[in-house]
PDB file of all heavy atoms in Angstrom:
ATOM      1  N   SER A   1       5.838 -19.992 -68.817  1.00  0.00           N
ATOM      2  CA  SER A   1       4.874 -19.410 -67.820  1.00  0.00           C
ATOM      3  C   SER A   1       5.703 -18.866 -66.649  1.00  0.00           C
ATOM      4  O   SER A   1       6.694 -19.303 -66.276  1.00  0.00           O
ATOM      5  CB  SER A   1       3.850 -20.342 -67.380  1.00  0.00           C
ATOM      6  OG  SER A   1       4.607 -21.476 -66.799  1.00  0.00           O
ATOM      7  N   ASN A   2       5.017 -17.757 -66.075  1.00  0.00           N
ATOM      8  CA  ASN A   2       5.264 -17.286 -64.662  1.00  0.00           C
ATOM      9  C   ASN A   2       3.953 -17.400 -63.912  1.00  0.00           C
ATOM     10  O   ASN A   2       2.915 -16.674 -64.316  1.00  0.00           O
ATOM     11  CB  ASN A   2       5.785 -15.885 -64.753  1.00  0.00           C
ATOM     12  CG  ASN A   2       7.306 -15.757 -64.907  1.00  0.00           C
ATOM     13  OD1 ASN A   2       7.918 -14.627 -64.729  1.00  0.00           O
ATOM     14  ND2 ASN A   2       7.980 -16.774 -65.345  1.00  0.00           N
ATOM     15  N   LEU A   3       4.006 -18.246 -62.909  1.00  0.00           N
ATOM     16  CA  LEU A   3       2.648 -18.592 -62.211  1.00  0.00           C
ATOM     17  C   LEU A   3       2.733 -18.256 -60.700  1.00  0.00           C
ATOM     18  O   LEU A   3       3.853 -18.143 -60.149  1.00  0.00           O
ATOM     19  CB  LEU A   3       2.327 -19.995 -62.443  1.00  0.00           C
ATOM     20  CG  LEU A   3       2.223 -20.478 -64.040  1.00  0.00           C
ATOM     21  CD1 LEU A   3       2.182 -21.886 -64.103  1.00  0.00           C
ATOM     22  CD2 LEU A   3       1.109 -19.798 -64.527  1.00  0.00           C
ATOM     23  N   PHE A   4       1.537 -18.140 -60.103  1.00  0.00           N
ATOM     24  CA  PHE A   4       1.519 -17.755 -58.725  1.00  0.00           C
ATOM     25  C   PHE A   4       0.504 -18.725 -58.046  1.00  0.00           C
ATOM     26  O   PHE A   4      -0.578 -18.908 -58.493  1.00  0.00           O
ATOM     27  CB  PHE A   4       0.933 -16.329 -58.507  1.00  0.00           C
ATOM     28  CG  PHE A   4       1.067 -15.947 -57.128  1.00  0.00           C
ATOM     29  CD1 PHE A   4       2.136 -15.698 -56.426  1.00  0.00           C
ATOM     30  CD2 PHE A   4      -0.116 -15.621 -56.349  1.00  0.00           C
ATOM     31  CE1 PHE A   4       2.283 -15.153 -55.320  1.00  0.00           C
ATOM     32  CE2 PHE A   4      -0.101 -15.190 -55.074  1.00  0.00           C
ATOM     33  CZ  PHE A   4       1.144 -14.884 -54.483  1.00  0.00           C
ATOM     34  N   TYR A   5       1.018 -19.503 -57.046  1.00  0.00           N
ATOM     35  CA  TYR A   5       0.249 -20.539 -56.320  1.00  0.00           C
ATOM     36  C   TYR A   5      -0.152 -20.138 -54.954  1.00  0.00           C
ATOM     37  O   TYR A   5       0.722 -19.519 -54.099  1.00  0.00           O
ATOM     38  CB  TYR A   5       1.040 -21.766 -56.281  1.00  0.00           C
ATOM     39  CG  TYR A   5       0.438 -23.014 -55.715  1.00  0.00           C
ATOM     40  CD1 TYR A   5      -0.664 -23.589 -56.255  1.00  0.00           C
ATOM     41  CD2 TYR A   5       0.558 -23.405 -54.379  1.00  0.00           C
ATOM     42  CE1 TYR A   5      -1.340 -24.729 -55.802  1.00  0.00           C
ATOM     43  CE2 TYR A   5       0.028 -24.588 -53.650  1.00  0.00           C
ATOM     44  CZ  TYR A   5      -0.914 -25.210 -54.554  1.00  0.00           C
ATOM     45  OH  TYR A   5      -1.630 -26.233 -53.930  1.00  0.00           O
ATOM     46  N   VAL A   6      -1.471 -20.282 -54.600  1.00  0.00           N
ATOM     47  CA  VAL A   6      -1.873 -19.859 -53.265  1.00  0.00           C
ATOM     48  C   VAL A   6      -2.412 -21.102 -52.549  1.00  0.00           C
ATOM     49  O   VAL A   6      -3.154 -21.909 -53.144  1.00  0.00           O
ATOM     50  CB  VAL A   6      -3.000 -18.839 -53.408  1.00  0.00           C
ATOM     51  CG1 VAL A   6      -3.641 -18.511 -52.003  1.00  0.00           C
ATOM     52  CG2 VAL A   6      -2.514 -17.516 -53.994  1.00  0.00           C
ATOM     53  N   TYR A   7      -1.886 -21.238 -51.272  1.00  0.00           N
ATOM     54  CA  TYR A   7      -2.269 -22.501 -50.593  1.00  0.00           C
ATOM     55  C   TYR A   7      -2.651 -22.186 -49.097  1.00  0.00           C
ATOM     56  O   TYR A   7      -2.357 -21.016 -48.550  1.00  0.00           O
ATOM     57  CB  TYR A   7      -1.300 -23.621 -50.719  1.00  0.00           C
ATOM     58  CG  TYR A   7       0.069 -23.319 -49.899  1.00  0.00           C
ATOM     59  CD1 TYR A   7       0.319 -23.745 -48.668  1.00  0.00           C
ATOM     60  CD2 TYR A   7       0.919 -22.414 -50.553  1.00  0.00           C
ATOM     61  CE1 TYR A   7       1.483 -23.369 -47.935  1.00  0.00           C
ATOM     62  CE2 TYR A   7       2.166 -22.026 -49.813  1.00  0.00           C
ATOM     63  CZ  TYR A   7       2.369 -22.524 -48.628  1.00  0.00           C
ATOM     64  OH  TYR A   7       3.546 -22.151 -48.003  1.00  0.00           O
ATOM     65  N   GLY A   8      -3.153 -23.096 -48.424  1.00  0.00           N
ATOM     66  CA  GLY A   8      -3.461 -22.966 -46.951  1.00  0.00           C
ATOM     67  C   GLY A   8      -4.863 -22.953 -46.624  1.00  0.00           C
ATOM     68  O   GLY A   8      -5.754 -23.230 -47.552  1.00  0.00           O
ATOM     69  N   THR A   9      -5.249 -22.751 -45.387  1.00  0.00           N
ATOM     70  CA  THR A   9      -6.705 -22.794 -44.966  1.00  0.00           C
ATOM     71  C   THR A   9      -7.016 -21.463 -44.421  1.00  0.00           C
ATOM     72  O   THR A   9      -6.486 -21.012 -43.480  1.00  0.00           O
ATOM     73  CB  THR A   9      -6.878 -23.833 -43.855  1.00  0.00           C
ATOM     74  OG1 THR A   9      -6.424 -25.191 -44.430  1.00  0.00           O
ATOM     75  CG2 THR A   9      -8.252 -24.071 -43.534  1.00  0.00           C
ATOM     76  N   PRO A  10      -8.074 -20.735 -45.105  1.00  0.00           N
ATOM     77  CA  PRO A  10      -8.297 -19.410 -44.596  1.00  0.00           C
ATOM     78  C   PRO A  10      -9.119 -19.350 -43.274  1.00  0.00           C
ATOM     79  O   PRO A  10      -9.842 -20.359 -42.965  1.00  0.00           O
ATOM     80  CB  PRO A  10      -9.169 -18.828 -45.746  1.00  0.00           C
ATOM     81  CG  PRO A  10      -9.692 -20.041 -46.325  1.00  0.00           C
ATOM     82  CD  PRO A  10      -8.690 -21.130 -46.247  1.00  0.00           C
ATOM     83  N   ASP A  11      -9.063 -18.300 -42.597  1.00  0.00           N
ATOM     84  CA  ASP A  11      -9.818 -18.022 -41.315  1.00  0.00           C
ATOM     85  C   ASP A  11     -11.300 -17.843 -41.744  1.00  0.00           C
ATOM     86  O   ASP A  11     -11.591 -17.104 -42.667  1.00  0.00           O
ATOM     87  CB  ASP A  11      -9.255 -16.887 -40.643  1.00  0.00           C
ATOM     88  CG  ASP A  11     -10.060 -16.720 -39.257  1.00  0.00           C
ATOM     89  OD1 ASP A  11      -9.684 -17.410 -38.340  1.00  0.00           O
ATOM     90  OD2 ASP A  11     -10.912 -15.896 -39.124  1.00  0.00           O
ATOM     91  N   ALA A  12     -12.151 -18.510 -40.989  1.00  0.00           N
ATOM     92  CA  ALA A  12     -13.495 -18.421 -41.280  1.00  0.00           C
ATOM     93  C   ALA A  12     -14.033 -17.091 -41.174  1.00  0.00           C
ATOM     94  O   ALA A  12     -15.096 -16.591 -41.874  1.00  0.00           O
ATOM     95  CB  ALA A  12     -14.378 -19.412 -40.440  1.00  0.00           C
ATOM     96  N   GLU A  13     -13.556 -16.183 -40.272  1.00  0.00           N
ATOM     97  CA  GLU A  13     -14.089 -14.890 -40.062  1.00  0.00           C
ATOM     98  C   GLU A  13     -13.392 -13.801 -40.940  1.00  0.00           C
ATOM     99  O   GLU A  13     -14.075 -13.048 -41.534  1.00  0.00           O
ATOM    100  CB  GLU A  13     -13.922 -14.483 -38.587  1.00  0.00           C
ATOM    101  CG  GLU A  13     -14.504 -15.425 -37.676  1.00  0.00           C
ATOM    102  CD  GLU A  13     -15.951 -15.562 -37.736  1.00  0.00           C
ATOM    103  OE1 GLU A  13     -16.679 -14.534 -38.221  1.00  0.00           O
ATOM    104  OE2 GLU A  13     -16.606 -16.632 -37.586  1.00  0.00           O
ATOM    105  N   THR A  14     -12.118 -13.911 -41.102  1.00  0.00           N
ATOM    106  CA  THR A  14     -11.326 -12.852 -41.763  1.00  0.00           C
ATOM    107  C   THR A  14     -10.894 -13.242 -43.216  1.00  0.00           C
ATOM    108  O   THR A  14     -10.654 -12.285 -43.981  1.00  0.00           O
ATOM    109  CB  THR A  14     -10.027 -12.510 -41.024  1.00  0.00           C
ATOM    110  OG1 THR A  14      -9.130 -13.651 -41.024  1.00  0.00           O
ATOM    111  CG2 THR A  14     -10.460 -12.114 -39.535  1.00  0.00           C
ATOM    112  N   GLY A  15     -10.911 -14.440 -43.411  1.00  0.00           N
ATOM    113  CA  GLY A  15     -10.446 -14.962 -44.812  1.00  0.00           C
ATOM    114  C   GLY A  15      -8.897 -14.857 -44.949  1.00  0.00           C
ATOM    115  O   GLY A  15      -8.359 -15.244 -45.937  1.00  0.00           O
ATOM    116  N   LEU A  16      -8.167 -14.499 -43.847  1.00  0.00           N
ATOM    117  CA  LEU A  16      -6.775 -14.603 -43.812  1.00  0.00           C
ATOM    118  C   LEU A  16      -6.196 -15.868 -43.620  1.00  0.00           C
ATOM    119  O   LEU A  16      -6.901 -16.852 -43.138  1.00  0.00           O
ATOM    120  CB  LEU A  16      -6.193 -13.630 -42.816  1.00  0.00           C
ATOM    121  CG  LEU A  16      -6.764 -12.110 -42.966  1.00  0.00           C
ATOM    122  CD1 LEU A  16      -6.276 -11.229 -41.935  1.00  0.00           C
ATOM    123  CD2 LEU A  16      -6.320 -11.500 -44.358  1.00  0.00           C
ATOM    124  N   GLY A  17      -4.852 -16.086 -43.823  1.00  0.00           N
ATOM    125  CA  GLY A  17      -4.258 -17.334 -43.510  1.00  0.00           C
ATOM    126  C   GLY A  17      -3.690 -18.036 -44.688  1.00  0.00           C
ATOM    127  O   GLY A  17      -3.078 -19.131 -44.584  1.00  0.00           O
ATOM    128  N   LEU A  18      -3.855 -17.400 -45.873  1.00  0.00           N
ATOM    129  CA  LEU A  18      -3.366 -18.148 -47.028  1.00  0.00           C
ATOM    130  C   LEU A  18      -1.835 -17.615 -47.351  1.00  0.00           C
ATOM    131  O   LEU A  18      -1.522 -16.581 -47.010  1.00  0.00           O
ATOM    132  CB  LEU A  18      -4.195 -17.826 -48.242  1.00  0.00           C
ATOM    133  CG  LEU A  18      -5.572 -18.390 -48.092  1.00  0.00           C
ATOM    134  CD1 LEU A  18      -6.461 -18.017 -49.388  1.00  0.00           C
ATOM    135  CD2 LEU A  18      -5.627 -19.889 -48.062  1.00  0.00           C
ATOM    136  N   THR A  19      -1.139 -18.461 -48.021  1.00  0.00           N
ATOM    137  CA  THR A  19       0.267 -18.034 -48.475  1.00  0.00           C
ATOM    138  C   THR A  19       0.494 -18.220 -49.961  1.00  0.00           C
ATOM    139  O   THR A  19      -0.114 -19.133 -50.543  1.00  0.00           O
ATOM    140  CB  THR A  19       1.316 -18.996 -47.695  1.00  0.00           C
ATOM    141  OG1 THR A  19       1.083 -18.771 -46.226  1.00  0.00           O
ATOM    142  CG2 THR A  19       2.751 -18.584 -48.053  1.00  0.00           C
ATOM    143  N   GLY A  20       1.307 -17.393 -50.540  1.00  0.00           N
ATOM    144  CA  GLY A  20       1.530 -17.473 -51.973  1.00  0.00           C
ATOM    145  C   GLY A  20       2.935 -17.672 -52.383  1.00  0.00           C
ATOM    146  O   GLY A  20       3.881 -17.214 -51.627  1.00  0.00           O
ATOM    147  N   TYR A  21       3.249 -18.409 -53.491  1.00  0.00           N
ATOM    148  CA  TYR A  21       4.660 -18.390 -53.964  1.00  0.00           C
ATOM    149  C   TYR A  21       4.602 -18.518 -55.456  1.00  0.00           C
ATOM    150  O   TYR A  21       3.549 -18.824 -56.092  1.00  0.00           O
ATOM    151  CB  TYR A  21       5.481 -19.449 -53.354  1.00  0.00           C
ATOM    152  CG  TYR A  21       5.092 -20.875 -53.756  1.00  0.00           C
ATOM    153  CD1 TYR A  21       5.746 -21.506 -54.865  1.00  0.00           C
ATOM    154  CD2 TYR A  21       4.280 -21.648 -52.948  1.00  0.00           C
ATOM    155  CE1 TYR A  21       5.371 -22.827 -55.134  1.00  0.00           C
ATOM    156  CE2 TYR A  21       3.883 -22.934 -53.358  1.00  0.00           C
ATOM    157  CZ  TYR A  21       4.530 -23.438 -54.461  1.00  0.00           C
ATOM    158  OH  TYR A  21       4.269 -24.822 -54.807  1.00  0.00           O
ATOM    159  N   ALA A  22       5.674 -18.131 -56.023  1.00  0.00           N
ATOM    160  CA  ALA A  22       5.774 -17.920 -57.550  1.00  0.00           C
ATOM    161  C   ALA A  22       6.635 -19.024 -58.193  1.00  0.00           C
ATOM    162  O   ALA A  22       7.484 -19.626 -57.513  1.00  0.00           O
ATOM    163  CB  ALA A  22       6.347 -16.574 -57.969  1.00  0.00           C
ATOM    164  N   SER A  23       6.382 -19.238 -59.461  1.00  0.00           N
ATOM    165  CA  SER A  23       7.263 -20.328 -60.232  1.00  0.00           C
ATOM    166  C   SER A  23       7.338 -19.839 -61.651  1.00  0.00           C
ATOM    167  O   SER A  23       6.371 -19.289 -62.221  1.00  0.00           O
ATOM    168  CB  SER A  23       6.551 -21.656 -60.117  1.00  0.00           C
ATOM    169  OG  SER A  23       7.302 -22.656 -60.994  1.00  0.00           O
ATOM    170  N   ASP A  24       8.430 -20.128 -62.228  1.00  0.00           N
ATOM    171  CA  ASP A  24       8.690 -20.048 -63.725  1.00  0.00           C
ATOM    172  C   ASP A  24       8.737 -21.510 -64.222  1.00  0.00           C
ATOM    173  O   ASP A  24       9.528 -22.312 -63.812  1.00  0.00           O
ATOM    174  CB  ASP A  24      10.045 -19.369 -64.053  1.00  0.00           C
ATOM    175  CG  ASP A  24      10.313 -19.291 -65.446  1.00  0.00           C
ATOM    176  OD1 ASP A  24      10.382 -20.248 -66.076  1.00  0.00           O
ATOM    177  OD2 ASP A  24      10.365 -18.123 -65.986  1.00  0.00           O
ATOM    178  N   TYR A  25       7.840 -21.687 -65.128  1.00  0.00           N
ATOM    179  CA  TYR A  25       7.728 -23.095 -65.635  1.00  0.00           C
ATOM    180  C   TYR A  25       7.874 -23.077 -67.178  1.00  0.00           C
ATOM    181  O   TYR A  25       7.318 -22.226 -67.885  1.00  0.00           O
ATOM    182  CB  TYR A  25       6.257 -23.690 -65.356  1.00  0.00           C
ATOM    183  CG  TYR A  25       6.080 -25.063 -65.858  1.00  0.00           C
ATOM    184  CD1 TYR A  25       6.737 -26.212 -65.311  1.00  0.00           C
ATOM    185  CD2 TYR A  25       5.222 -25.379 -66.953  1.00  0.00           C
ATOM    186  CE1 TYR A  25       6.593 -27.470 -65.689  1.00  0.00           C
ATOM    187  CE2 TYR A  25       5.134 -26.669 -67.447  1.00  0.00           C
ATOM    188  CZ  TYR A  25       5.797 -27.716 -66.867  1.00  0.00           C
ATOM    189  OH  TYR A  25       5.607 -28.940 -67.298  1.00  0.00           O
ATOM    190  N   GLN A  26       8.901 -23.960 -67.603  1.00  0.00           N
ATOM    191  CA  GLN A  26       9.121 -24.045 -69.036  1.00  0.00           C
ATOM    192  C   GLN A  26       8.934 -25.517 -69.427  1.00  0.00           C
ATOM    193  O   GLN A  26       9.239 -26.397 -68.634  1.00  0.00           O
ATOM    194  CB  GLN A  26      10.564 -23.725 -69.316  1.00  0.00           C
ATOM    195  CG  GLN A  26      10.890 -22.305 -68.768  1.00  0.00           C
ATOM    196  CD  GLN A  26      10.311 -21.171 -69.642  1.00  0.00           C
ATOM    197  OE1 GLN A  26      10.142 -21.381 -70.891  1.00  0.00           O
ATOM    198  NE2 GLN A  26       9.965 -20.169 -68.924  1.00  0.00           N
ATOM    199  N   LEU A  27       8.461 -25.707 -70.679  1.00  0.00           N
ATOM    200  CA  LEU A  27       8.283 -27.134 -71.181  1.00  0.00           C
ATOM    201  C   LEU A  27       8.546 -27.251 -72.576  1.00  0.00           C
ATOM    202  O   LEU A  27       8.170 -26.251 -73.448  1.00  0.00           O
ATOM    203  CB  LEU A  27       6.747 -27.527 -70.925  1.00  0.00           C
ATOM    204  CG  LEU A  27       6.414 -28.997 -71.390  1.00  0.00           C
ATOM    205  CD1 LEU A  27       5.510 -29.711 -70.440  1.00  0.00           C
ATOM    206  CD2 LEU A  27       5.794 -28.908 -72.709  1.00  0.00           C
ATOM    207  N   ARG A  28       9.132 -28.343 -73.056  1.00  0.00           N
ATOM    208  CA  ARG A  28       9.375 -28.610 -74.412  1.00  0.00           C
ATOM    209  C   ARG A  28       9.101 -30.068 -74.567  1.00  0.00           C
ATOM    210  O   ARG A  28       9.577 -30.893 -74.045  1.00  0.00           O
ATOM    211  CB  ARG A  28      10.939 -28.379 -74.787  1.00  0.00           C
ATOM    212  CG  ARG A  28      11.396 -26.986 -74.518  1.00  0.00           C
ATOM    213  CD  ARG A  28      10.817 -25.987 -75.551  1.00  0.00           C
ATOM    214  NE  ARG A  28      11.276 -24.691 -75.279  1.00  0.00           N
ATOM    215  CZ  ARG A  28      10.842 -23.787 -74.387  1.00  0.00           C
ATOM    216  NH1 ARG A  28       9.699 -24.092 -73.751  1.00  0.00           N
ATOM    217  NH2 ARG A  28      11.241 -22.589 -74.294  1.00  0.00           N
ATOM    218  N   ASP A  29       8.140 -30.247 -75.453  1.00  0.00           N
ATOM    219  CA  ASP A  29       7.549 -31.602 -75.683  1.00  0.00           C
ATOM    220  C   ASP A  29       7.676 -32.018 -77.221  1.00  0.00           C
ATOM    221  O   ASP A  29       7.117 -31.294 -78.081  1.00  0.00           O
ATOM    222  CB  ASP A  29       6.225 -31.718 -75.153  1.00  0.00           C
ATOM    223  CG  ASP A  29       5.621 -33.219 -75.161  1.00  0.00           C
ATOM    224  OD1 ASP A  29       6.304 -34.091 -75.598  1.00  0.00           O
ATOM    225  OD2 ASP A  29       4.469 -33.377 -74.788  1.00  0.00           O
ATOM    226  N   ARG A  30       8.369 -32.955 -77.596  1.00  0.00           N
ATOM    227  CA  ARG A  30       8.455 -33.327 -79.015  1.00  0.00           C
ATOM    228  C   ARG A  30       8.209 -34.710 -79.261  1.00  0.00           C
ATOM    229  O   ARG A  30       8.477 -35.768 -78.506  1.00  0.00           O
ATOM    230  CB  ARG A  30       9.964 -33.082 -79.453  1.00  0.00           C
ATOM    231  CG  ARG A  30      10.313 -33.288 -80.933  1.00  0.00           C
ATOM    232  CD  ARG A  30      10.845 -34.755 -81.125  1.00  0.00           C
ATOM    233  NE  ARG A  30      12.152 -34.768 -80.420  1.00  0.00           N
ATOM    234  CZ  ARG A  30      12.690 -35.950 -80.060  1.00  0.00           C
ATOM    235  NH1 ARG A  30      12.106 -37.118 -80.065  1.00  0.00           N
ATOM    236  NH2 ARG A  30      13.910 -35.825 -79.428  1.00  0.00           N
ATOM    237  N   VAL A  31       7.333 -35.063 -80.280  1.00  0.00           N
ATOM    238  CA  VAL A  31       6.904 -36.575 -80.742  1.00  0.00           C
ATOM    239  C   VAL A  31       7.001 -36.656 -82.114  1.00  0.00           C
ATOM    240  O   VAL A  31       6.659 -35.815 -83.046  1.00  0.00           O
ATOM    241  CB  VAL A  31       5.378 -36.599 -80.213  1.00  0.00           C
ATOM    242  CG1 VAL A  31       5.126 -38.086 -80.591  1.00  0.00           C
ATOM    243  CG2 VAL A  31       5.245 -36.354 -78.731  1.00  0.00           C
ATOM    244  N   ASN A  32       7.692 -37.820 -82.522  1.00  0.00           N
ATOM    245  CA  ASN A  32       7.710 -38.232 -83.838  1.00  0.00           C
ATOM    246  C   ASN A  32       6.987 -39.560 -84.000  1.00  0.00           C
ATOM    247  O   ASN A  32       7.235 -40.525 -83.308  1.00  0.00           O
ATOM    248  CB  ASN A  32       9.139 -38.474 -84.414  1.00  0.00           C
ATOM    249  CG  ASN A  32       9.869 -37.142 -84.577  1.00  0.00           C
ATOM    250  OD1 ASN A  32       9.474 -36.283 -85.258  1.00  0.00           O
ATOM    251  ND2 ASN A  32      11.065 -37.003 -83.913  1.00  0.00           N
ATOM    252  N   LEU A  33       5.913 -39.680 -84.929  1.00  0.00           N
ATOM    253  CA  LEU A  33       5.193 -40.834 -85.066  1.00  0.00           C
ATOM    254  C   LEU A  33       5.089 -41.396 -86.455  1.00  0.00           C
ATOM    255  O   LEU A  33       5.060 -40.546 -87.424  1.00  0.00           O
ATOM    256  CB  LEU A  33       3.672 -40.426 -84.798  1.00  0.00           C
ATOM    257  CG  LEU A  33       3.400 -39.850 -83.344  1.00  0.00           C
ATOM    258  CD1 LEU A  33       2.032 -39.337 -83.332  1.00  0.00           C
ATOM    259  CD2 LEU A  33       3.743 -40.803 -82.310  1.00  0.00           C
ATOM    260  N   LEU A  34       5.293 -42.738 -86.657  1.00  0.00           N
ATOM    261  CA  LEU A  34       5.239 -43.193 -87.939  1.00  0.00           C
ATOM    262  C   LEU A  34       4.378 -44.457 -87.863  1.00  0.00           C
ATOM    263  O   LEU A  34       4.488 -45.360 -87.010  1.00  0.00           O
ATOM    264  CB  LEU A  34       6.582 -43.672 -88.456  1.00  0.00           C
ATOM    265  CG  LEU A  34       6.662 -44.490 -89.748  1.00  0.00           C
ATOM    266  CD1 LEU A  34       6.123 -43.650 -90.957  1.00  0.00           C
ATOM    267  CD2 LEU A  34       8.148 -44.926 -90.092  1.00  0.00           C
ATOM    268  N   ASP A  35       3.369 -44.598 -88.717  1.00  0.00           N
ATOM    269  CA  ASP A  35       2.477 -45.763 -88.749  1.00  0.00           C
ATOM    270  C   ASP A  35       2.210 -46.187 -90.216  1.00  0.00           C
ATOM    271  O   ASP A  35       1.966 -45.359 -91.135  1.00  0.00           O
ATOM    272  CB  ASP A  35       1.152 -45.298 -88.197  1.00  0.00           C
ATOM    273  CG  ASP A  35       0.169 -46.484 -87.998  1.00  0.00           C
ATOM    274  OD1 ASP A  35       0.596 -47.659 -87.705  1.00  0.00           O
ATOM    275  OD2 ASP A  35      -1.123 -46.315 -88.175  1.00  0.00           O
ATOM    276  N   VAL A  36       2.511 -47.393 -90.491  1.00  0.00           N
ATOM    277  CA  VAL A  36       2.310 -48.020 -91.810  1.00  0.00           C
ATOM    278  C   VAL A  36       1.585 -49.314 -91.652  1.00  0.00           C
ATOM    279  O   VAL A  36       1.758 -50.214 -90.847  1.00  0.00           O
ATOM    280  CB  VAL A  36       3.766 -48.377 -92.397  1.00  0.00           C
ATOM    281  CG1 VAL A  36       3.563 -48.924 -93.885  1.00  0.00           C
ATOM    282  CG2 VAL A  36       4.704 -47.193 -92.474  1.00  0.00           C
ATOM    283  N   TYR A  37       0.495 -49.330 -92.558  1.00  0.00           N
ATOM    284  CA  TYR A  37      -0.371 -50.513 -92.454  1.00  0.00           C
ATOM    285  C   TYR A  37      -1.034 -50.867 -93.895  1.00  0.00           C
ATOM    286  O   TYR A  37      -1.189 -50.001 -94.587  1.00  0.00           O
ATOM    287  CB  TYR A  37      -1.426 -50.530 -91.332  1.00  0.00           C
ATOM    288  CG  TYR A  37      -2.389 -49.429 -91.424  1.00  0.00           C
ATOM    289  CD1 TYR A  37      -3.654 -49.578 -91.995  1.00  0.00           C
ATOM    290  CD2 TYR A  37      -2.089 -48.011 -90.964  1.00  0.00           C
ATOM    291  CE1 TYR A  37      -4.645 -48.563 -92.092  1.00  0.00           C
ATOM    292  CE2 TYR A  37      -3.118 -47.052 -91.154  1.00  0.00           C
ATOM    293  CZ  TYR A  37      -4.391 -47.330 -91.761  1.00  0.00           C
ATOM    294  OH  TYR A  37      -5.302 -46.390 -91.908  1.00  0.00           O
ATOM    295  N   ALA A  38      -1.392 -51.968 -93.940  1.00  0.00           N
ATOM    296  CA  ALA A  38      -2.125 -52.405 -95.198  1.00  0.00           C
ATOM    297  C   ALA A  38      -3.505 -53.021 -94.680  1.00  0.00           C
ATOM    298  O   ALA A  38      -3.641 -53.540 -93.633  1.00  0.00           O
ATOM    299  CB  ALA A  38      -1.396 -53.585 -95.917  1.00  0.00           C
ATOM    300  N   ARG A  39      -4.472 -52.823 -95.543  1.00  0.00           N
ATOM    301  CA  ARG A  39      -5.833 -53.224 -95.226  1.00  0.00           C
ATOM    302  C   ARG A  39      -6.541 -53.699 -96.405  1.00  0.00           C
ATOM    303  O   ARG A  39      -6.243 -53.179 -97.628  1.00  0.00           O
ATOM    304  CB  ARG A  39      -6.733 -52.220 -94.485  1.00  0.00           C
ATOM    305  CG  ARG A  39      -6.825 -50.983 -95.189  1.00  0.00           C
ATOM    306  CD  ARG A  39      -7.618 -50.013 -94.420  1.00  0.00           C
ATOM    307  NE  ARG A  39      -7.757 -48.747 -95.129  1.00  0.00           N
ATOM    308  CZ  ARG A  39      -8.102 -47.485 -94.549  1.00  0.00           C
ATOM    309  NH1 ARG A  39      -8.361 -47.540 -93.232  1.00  0.00           N
ATOM    310  NH2 ARG A  39      -8.199 -46.504 -95.171  1.00  0.00           N
ATOM    311  N   GLY A  40      -7.514 -54.663 -96.299  1.00  0.00           N
ATOM    312  CA  GLY A  40      -8.216 -55.034 -97.466  1.00  0.00           C
ATOM    313  C   GLY A  40      -9.116 -56.205 -97.230  1.00  0.00           C
ATOM    314  O   GLY A  40      -9.494 -56.341 -96.084  1.00  0.00           O
ATOM    315  N   SER A  41      -9.563 -57.027 -98.180  1.00  0.00           N
ATOM    316  CA  SER A  41     -10.462 -58.045 -97.883  1.00  0.00           C
ATOM    317  C   SER A  41     -10.031 -59.310 -98.689  1.00  0.00           C
ATOM    318  O   SER A  41      -9.244 -59.236 -99.612  1.00  0.00           O
ATOM    319  CB  SER A  41     -11.751 -57.687 -98.462  1.00  0.00           C
ATOM    320  OG  SER A  41     -11.811 -57.429 -99.814  1.00  0.00           O
TER     321      SER A  41
END
């Protein structure tokens, strides 16, 4: 992703006063799952 974040408190009359900055975000998520069970009566 390339993202843009806006923060701050805008002026009640003009709506100005906010600031923005950008970010490049990368993620890698890997999961290995193993489940073994017995069931019965």
